Protein backbone atom coordinates (compact mmCIF):
# COMPACT_ATOMS: atom_id res chain seq x y z
CA MET A 1 0.00 0.00 0.00
CA SER A 2 1.01 3.64 -0.36
CA ILE A 3 1.84 5.99 2.50
CA LEU A 4 -1.33 7.35 4.13
CA TYR A 5 0.34 9.63 6.69
CA LYS A 6 3.79 11.15 6.31
CA ARG A 7 4.29 11.29 10.05
CA VAL A 8 2.45 9.31 12.74
CA ALA A 9 2.92 9.96 16.46
CA LEU A 10 2.11 7.22 18.95
CA ILE A 11 1.57 8.56 22.46
CA GLY A 12 2.10 5.56 24.71
CA LEU A 13 4.28 2.65 23.61
CA GLY A 14 2.63 -0.54 24.84
CA LEU A 15 1.07 -3.53 23.11
CA ILE A 16 -1.33 -1.64 20.83
CA ALA A 17 1.05 1.16 19.86
CA GLY A 18 3.89 -1.27 19.28
CA SER A 19 1.71 -3.48 17.13
CA MET A 20 0.51 -0.45 15.17
CA ALA A 21 4.09 0.61 14.50
CA LEU A 22 5.07 -2.86 13.30
CA ALA A 23 1.95 -3.26 11.18
CA MET A 24 2.40 0.20 9.63
CA ARG A 25 5.94 -0.72 8.67
CA ARG A 26 4.79 -4.06 7.30
CA ALA A 27 2.30 -2.30 4.99
CA GLY A 28 4.33 0.85 4.30
CA LEU A 29 1.56 3.15 5.57
CA ALA A 30 3.65 5.81 7.32
CA GLY A 31 6.67 7.80 6.22
CA GLU A 32 7.92 8.28 9.79
CA ILE A 33 6.71 7.03 13.16
CA THR A 34 7.49 8.90 16.36
CA GLY A 35 6.65 7.88 19.89
CA TYR A 36 6.49 8.90 23.51
CA ALA A 37 5.96 6.98 26.77
CA ARG A 38 5.66 8.39 30.27
CA SER A 39 8.14 5.92 31.74
CA PRO A 40 11.84 6.54 31.01
CA GLU A 41 12.37 2.78 31.14
CA THR A 42 9.76 2.25 28.43
CA ARG A 43 11.34 4.94 26.27
CA ASP A 44 14.75 3.31 26.69
CA VAL A 45 13.42 -0.09 25.64
CA ALA A 46 11.60 1.42 22.65
CA ARG A 47 14.86 3.05 21.53
CA GLU A 48 16.82 -0.14 22.12
CA ILE A 49 14.54 -2.30 19.95
CA GLY A 50 13.90 0.38 17.32
CA LEU A 51 10.15 0.23 17.87
CA VAL A 52 9.61 3.61 16.20
CA ASP A 53 11.85 5.91 14.19
CA ARG A 54 12.26 8.46 16.99
CA VAL A 55 11.35 8.39 20.67
CA TYR A 56 10.81 11.72 22.42
CA ASP A 57 10.85 12.62 26.09
CA SER A 58 7.56 14.55 25.95
CA ALA A 59 4.19 13.93 24.31
CA ALA A 60 4.21 17.41 22.76
CA ALA A 61 7.58 16.85 21.09
CA ALA A 62 6.41 13.55 19.62
CA ALA A 63 3.13 15.04 18.35
CA GLU A 64 4.56 18.21 16.84
CA GLY A 65 4.25 18.17 13.05
CA ALA A 66 2.49 14.79 12.95
CA ASP A 67 -0.27 14.15 10.42
CA LEU A 68 -1.81 11.53 12.72
CA VAL A 69 -1.55 11.43 16.50
CA VAL A 70 -2.84 8.29 18.23
CA LEU A 71 -3.43 8.36 21.98
CA CYS A 72 -2.43 4.92 23.28
CA VAL A 73 -2.52 5.79 26.98
CA PRO A 74 -4.94 4.75 29.75
CA ILE A 75 -8.38 6.30 29.42
CA GLY A 76 -8.03 8.17 32.69
CA VAL A 77 -5.17 10.34 31.40
CA MET A 78 -6.27 10.92 27.81
CA GLY A 79 -7.70 14.35 28.61
CA ASP A 80 -4.45 15.45 30.25
CA VAL A 81 -2.38 14.21 27.30
CA ALA A 82 -4.69 15.93 24.82
CA ALA A 83 -4.27 19.19 26.73
CA GLU A 84 -0.48 18.75 26.69
CA ILE A 85 -0.25 18.31 22.92
CA SER A 86 -3.02 20.72 21.95
CA GLY A 87 -0.71 23.66 21.26
CA VAL A 88 1.57 21.79 18.84
CA LEU A 89 -1.01 19.99 16.72
CA LYS A 90 -0.60 20.60 13.02
CA PRO A 91 -3.55 22.18 11.16
CA GLY A 92 -5.29 19.46 9.16
CA ALA A 93 -3.89 16.69 11.39
CA THR A 94 -6.02 13.92 12.81
CA VAL A 95 -6.08 12.92 16.48
CA SER A 96 -7.36 9.44 17.29
CA ASP A 97 -7.14 6.97 20.17
CA VAL A 98 -7.35 3.24 20.89
CA GLY A 99 -9.40 3.30 24.09
CA SER A 100 -12.06 0.67 24.71
CA VAL A 101 -14.49 3.29 26.05
CA LYS A 102 -15.63 6.06 23.74
CA ARG A 103 -18.11 8.44 25.42
CA ALA A 104 -15.72 9.25 28.29
CA VAL A 105 -12.79 9.65 25.89
CA ILE A 106 -14.73 12.02 23.66
CA GLU A 107 -15.78 14.13 26.65
CA ALA A 108 -12.18 14.26 27.93
CA VAL A 109 -10.34 14.84 24.65
CA ALA A 110 -12.65 16.84 22.36
CA PRO A 111 -12.42 20.13 24.33
CA HIS A 112 -8.65 20.18 23.72
CA ILE A 113 -8.76 19.65 19.95
CA PRO A 114 -8.08 23.00 18.26
CA GLU A 115 -9.97 24.37 15.27
CA GLY A 116 -8.72 22.83 12.05
CA VAL A 117 -7.62 19.55 13.65
CA HIS A 118 -9.78 16.45 13.17
CA PHE A 119 -10.72 14.18 16.05
CA VAL A 120 -11.71 10.63 15.06
CA PRO A 121 -11.92 8.18 17.99
CA ALA A 122 -11.30 4.49 17.30
CA HIS A 123 -11.10 1.19 19.13
CA PRO A 124 -9.16 -1.81 17.78
CA MET A 125 -10.76 -4.89 19.33
CA ALA A 126 -7.60 -6.92 19.64
CA GLY A 127 -5.09 -7.63 22.36
CA THR A 128 -3.34 -10.11 24.60
CA GLU A 129 -2.59 -10.17 28.32
CA HIS A 130 0.89 -8.80 27.63
CA SER A 131 1.90 -5.16 27.88
CA GLY A 132 4.96 -2.98 27.29
CA PRO A 133 7.01 -2.07 24.21
CA ARG A 134 8.28 -5.61 23.64
CA SER A 135 4.77 -7.10 23.50
CA GLY A 136 3.69 -5.80 20.10
CA PHE A 137 3.52 -7.87 16.90
CA ALA A 138 2.47 -6.90 13.39
CA ALA A 139 -0.29 -9.50 13.02
CA LEU A 140 -2.25 -8.43 16.11
CA PHE A 141 -4.99 -6.70 14.09
CA ASP A 142 -5.27 -9.20 11.24
CA ASN A 143 -8.97 -10.04 10.69
CA ARG A 144 -9.95 -8.31 13.93
CA TRP A 145 -12.36 -5.40 14.12
CA CYS A 146 -11.56 -1.75 14.62
CA LEU A 147 -14.60 0.33 15.52
CA ILE A 148 -14.47 3.91 14.24
CA VAL A 149 -16.54 6.37 16.27
CA PRO A 150 -16.80 9.74 14.48
CA VAL A 151 -17.79 12.71 16.62
CA GLU A 152 -20.40 15.26 15.61
CA GLY A 153 -19.11 17.24 12.64
CA SER A 154 -16.25 14.82 11.89
CA ASP A 155 -14.54 15.51 8.57
CA ARG A 156 -15.52 12.72 6.18
CA ALA A 157 -12.16 12.63 4.45
CA ALA A 158 -10.36 12.32 7.80
CA VAL A 159 -12.64 9.46 8.86
CA ASP A 160 -12.14 7.63 5.56
CA ARG A 161 -8.37 8.05 5.78
CA LEU A 162 -8.23 6.62 9.29
CA GLU A 163 -10.41 3.69 8.26
CA ALA A 164 -8.04 3.06 5.35
CA LEU A 165 -5.14 2.99 7.81
CA TRP A 166 -6.81 0.39 10.01
CA ARG A 167 -7.71 -1.75 7.03
CA GLY A 168 -4.09 -1.48 5.95
CA LEU A 169 -3.09 -2.75 9.40
CA GLY A 170 -5.14 -5.87 8.69
CA ALA A 171 -8.34 -4.98 10.54
CA ASN A 172 -11.96 -4.92 9.46
CA THR A 173 -13.63 -1.57 10.19
CA GLU A 174 -17.12 -0.48 11.12
CA GLU A 175 -18.48 2.88 12.24
CA MET A 176 -20.54 3.14 15.41
CA ASP A 177 -21.82 5.89 17.68
CA ALA A 178 -20.20 6.28 21.09
CA ASP A 179 -23.03 5.12 23.37
CA HIS A 180 -23.78 2.02 21.29
CA HIS A 181 -20.05 1.24 21.18
CA ASP A 182 -19.80 1.39 24.97
CA LEU A 183 -22.76 -0.97 25.43
CA VAL A 184 -21.44 -3.46 22.86
CA CYS A 185 -18.01 -3.47 24.51
CA ALA A 186 -19.54 -3.88 27.96
CA VAL A 187 -21.04 -7.16 26.70
CA THR A 188 -18.13 -8.43 24.63
CA SER A 189 -15.15 -7.27 26.70
CA HIS A 190 -15.68 -5.27 29.87
CA ALA A 191 -18.06 -7.54 31.80
CA PRO A 192 -16.14 -10.72 30.82
CA HIS A 193 -12.94 -9.18 32.16
CA LEU A 194 -14.63 -8.21 35.43
CA ILE A 195 -16.04 -11.73 35.78
CA ALA A 196 -12.59 -13.20 35.11
CA TYR A 197 -11.00 -10.99 37.77
CA THR A 198 -13.73 -12.06 40.17
CA MET A 199 -13.34 -15.79 39.47
CA VAL A 200 -9.61 -15.63 40.07
CA GLY A 201 -10.31 -13.67 43.25
CA VAL A 202 -12.74 -16.36 44.39
CA ALA A 203 -10.06 -19.02 43.88
CA ASP A 204 -7.64 -16.94 45.92
CA ASP A 205 -10.19 -16.69 48.73
CA MET A 206 -10.87 -20.42 48.81
CA ARG A 207 -8.50 -21.30 51.64
CA ARG A 208 -9.39 -24.99 51.28
CA VAL A 209 -7.24 -24.98 48.14
CA THR A 210 -3.62 -23.91 48.37
CA ASP A 211 -2.02 -21.65 45.80
CA SER A 212 0.07 -24.52 44.49
CA GLU A 213 -2.99 -26.70 43.95
CA VAL A 214 -4.82 -23.96 42.05
CA ILE A 215 -1.85 -23.64 39.73
CA LYS A 216 -1.07 -27.35 39.49
CA PHE A 217 -4.61 -28.45 38.72
CA SER A 218 -5.73 -25.54 36.56
CA ALA A 219 -8.01 -26.91 33.85
CA ALA A 220 -8.67 -25.05 30.63
CA GLY A 221 -11.58 -23.02 32.00
CA PHE A 222 -9.71 -21.57 34.97
CA ARG A 223 -6.56 -21.19 32.89
CA ASP A 224 -8.51 -19.06 30.40
CA PHE A 225 -9.88 -16.92 33.23
CA THR A 226 -6.38 -16.29 34.53
CA ARG A 227 -5.24 -15.24 31.05
CA ILE A 228 -7.86 -12.50 30.96
CA ALA A 229 -7.26 -11.50 34.58
CA ALA A 230 -3.56 -10.93 33.81
CA SER A 231 -4.43 -7.83 31.78
CA ASP A 232 -3.10 -4.40 32.74
CA PRO A 233 -4.78 -3.31 36.03
CA THR A 234 -4.48 0.44 35.39
CA MET A 235 -6.17 0.16 32.01
CA TRP A 236 -9.03 -1.95 33.35
CA ARG A 237 -9.57 0.23 36.39
CA ASP A 238 -10.05 3.18 34.03
CA VAL A 239 -12.30 1.17 31.71
CA PHE A 240 -14.73 0.21 34.46
CA LEU A 241 -14.85 3.70 35.96
CA SER A 242 -15.30 5.28 32.54
CA ASN A 243 -17.95 2.86 31.26
CA LYS A 244 -19.75 2.43 34.56
CA ASP A 245 -23.39 2.60 33.40
CA ALA A 246 -23.11 0.13 30.51
CA THR A 247 -21.00 -2.30 32.53
CA LEU A 248 -23.45 -2.24 35.46
CA GLU A 249 -26.36 -2.82 33.08
CA VAL A 250 -24.68 -5.88 31.59
CA LEU A 251 -23.66 -7.19 35.02
CA GLY A 252 -27.30 -6.87 36.12
CA ARG A 253 -28.38 -9.03 33.20
CA PHE A 254 -25.57 -11.48 33.95
CA THR A 255 -26.71 -11.76 37.56
CA GLU A 256 -30.26 -12.55 36.44
CA GLU A 257 -28.99 -15.30 34.13
CA LEU A 258 -26.75 -16.68 36.87
CA PHE A 259 -29.66 -16.82 39.34
CA ALA A 260 -31.71 -18.75 36.77
CA LEU A 261 -28.90 -21.29 36.38
CA GLN A 262 -28.51 -21.54 40.14
CA ARG A 263 -32.23 -22.31 40.40
CA ALA A 264 -31.98 -24.97 37.69
CA ILE A 265 -29.06 -26.67 39.45
CA ARG A 266 -30.79 -26.48 42.84
CA THR A 267 -34.05 -27.95 41.52
CA GLY A 268 -32.40 -30.51 39.26
CA ASP A 269 -33.82 -28.95 36.09
CA GLY A 270 -31.57 -30.74 33.60
CA ASP A 271 -33.74 -29.76 30.63
CA HIS A 272 -33.16 -26.05 31.31
CA LEU A 273 -29.41 -26.54 31.71
CA HIS A 274 -29.13 -28.59 28.52
CA GLU A 275 -31.17 -26.08 26.48
CA TYR A 276 -29.17 -23.14 27.85
CA PHE A 277 -25.78 -24.76 27.20
CA THR A 278 -26.86 -25.84 23.70
CA ARG A 279 -27.89 -22.27 22.83
CA THR A 280 -24.70 -20.70 24.19
CA ARG A 281 -22.55 -23.35 22.51
CA ALA A 282 -24.08 -22.34 19.18
CA ILE A 283 -23.08 -18.73 19.80
CA ARG A 284 -19.50 -19.84 20.41
CA ARG A 285 -19.53 -21.69 17.10
CA GLU A 286 -20.76 -18.54 15.36
CA ILE A 287 -17.74 -16.66 16.75
CA VAL A 288 -15.36 -19.28 15.35
CA GLU A 289 -17.16 -19.33 11.99
CA ALA A 290 -16.94 -15.52 11.82
CA GLY A 291 -13.15 -15.85 11.98
CA GLN A 292 -12.87 -14.05 15.31
CA ASP A 293 -11.24 -17.01 17.03
CA THR A 294 -10.16 -20.57 16.35
CA ASP A 295 -11.35 -23.82 17.88
CA ALA A 296 -8.37 -23.54 20.22
CA PRO A 297 -8.77 -20.81 22.87
CA ASP A 298 -5.87 -18.64 21.71
CA PHE A 299 -7.80 -15.41 22.38
CA GLY A 300 -7.14 -13.99 18.95
CA ARG A 301 -3.38 -13.75 19.22
CA GLY A 302 -3.05 -14.00 15.45
CA GLY A 303 -0.70 -16.95 15.33
CA ARG A 304 1.94 -15.35 17.54
CA LYS A 305 4.56 -17.83 18.63
């Protein structure tokens, strides 16, 4: 593909930013990639491995002159970072993000976007439990979805250009409004992560089972829970606080379903259990058939070895 942005700035240099940099290089989508991370240690590692072309010691320095600036930082600090870079943003540039909550990000970032700069939020629905500049890999987004969430008055050309970038990174794209995005993600990502954290916490509280036994006898189900619960705690704290209403709504529905299953187990209602498990198994098969996972629970890691 041809270059879509002469200069791309990645603010935050973890899994998503690192994978974006590698995938952009793979497809030749950016002329130059700059980066910034808050931690000096992260910046040093990024320089050591050549993750981007240039690593700067401030977000503003990395963003200055960029045609695309992508905020790859925790949701809770996106507003502060947007304020920091606001004064150096190039007229005609696009600012985007990779946060898994959109309404809160829009409210935090949009006030700091100057006239003549385009703000196009986005959310690549891909990841692993790993974090940091060494965790990225170019195939992370292959055949995954990136949801594009234009704000009111978004420039159509800027939206189309960003979508073209994500498709060039290997992703499928779809546009969605912010509130619907947050509800969808509460179902598909946020509530499952909270449940996983809770299940691992329950195992920790079960003093009848020692830590070594939990690890030694971990079957696939619990092992999969622990994979999810290993995700970055700062990021997920911010996600739940920022998408509180949608997450609580989904957890309420989950609790109702769980009570119904508890009742079926208590009363010996095998027909209800079998019908419920058959229906949910079919949904799992639809996910595999849609290419969003494989029969093996690899969590969409795109064949990473």
